[in-house]
Amino acid sequence: MQRLALFDLDNTLINLDEAFQTWAREFTNEHDLGREAADWLLDLDRAGYPHREVFFAKVRDHFALPQSADELWSRYRQRMPYLVRCRPAVMDALSQLRTSGWKVAIITNGMADNQLGKIQRTGLAEAVDAYALSGVEGIRKPDIGLFEVAAQRCGMALEGGGWMVGDNLIADIGGGQAAGLRTIWIDRGTWGGHDHRADHVATDVLQAMEILHNER
């Protein structure tokens, strides 16, 4: 099997939840919404509204804000790349993978400005061989087309196999398996009661990279 490793971005290589909490505090302070408003935003996020267009429509209505949902969403996308971070240990582990002969790419769903901003500002753009963004390519995981783009940009084809690492059982694990890849699921405790068919389960991306290093 060829040494191809595709990684999800949010809550895999970077801690989006941590950045979202910071944003929620900033947002409530900016709009003078009170301490409980931040908890409401966090609860709404956990309730399963990852698509921010829907999320911000609910936020606007709940707090009777004068800005449109599109404006709120746009400002969120502008701010988030400044709040996310990639741990130095993760950057080092990516470098070690590439030094040992792996081709490494990021494959992520999301708006182009938001996701590209995160990749560039965290330094991940230089830490990987390639990346494929749904907002650029017009294809979303679990569609195997986005996996094909990422593999091709690494100079490889999906037919040669490889690995997908991510926290979403549908987009990452299901999509990776449909693309013919082995998979490592980053279990953050948010998919309770769901069955999975991942080849390995890790609690952190560093643990997942150790698994890859042990593959021959």
Foldseek 3Di string as FASTA:
>chain_A
DAQEEEEEDDPAQKDLLQLLLVVLVVVCVVVVPDDVSSVVLSVLVLVDDPPQLVSLCVVCVVVVDPDDSVVVVVVCLVPSLVRMEGDPVSLVLLQVSVVVPHAYEYEYEDAPSNVVSNCVSRVVVVSHQYYFYCNVVVDAFLPLVSVQVRQVSSVHGLVVEYEFEEADQGRTQVSQVVSVYAYEHQDCPSPPPDDHDHPYYHVHNVVVSVVSVPDD
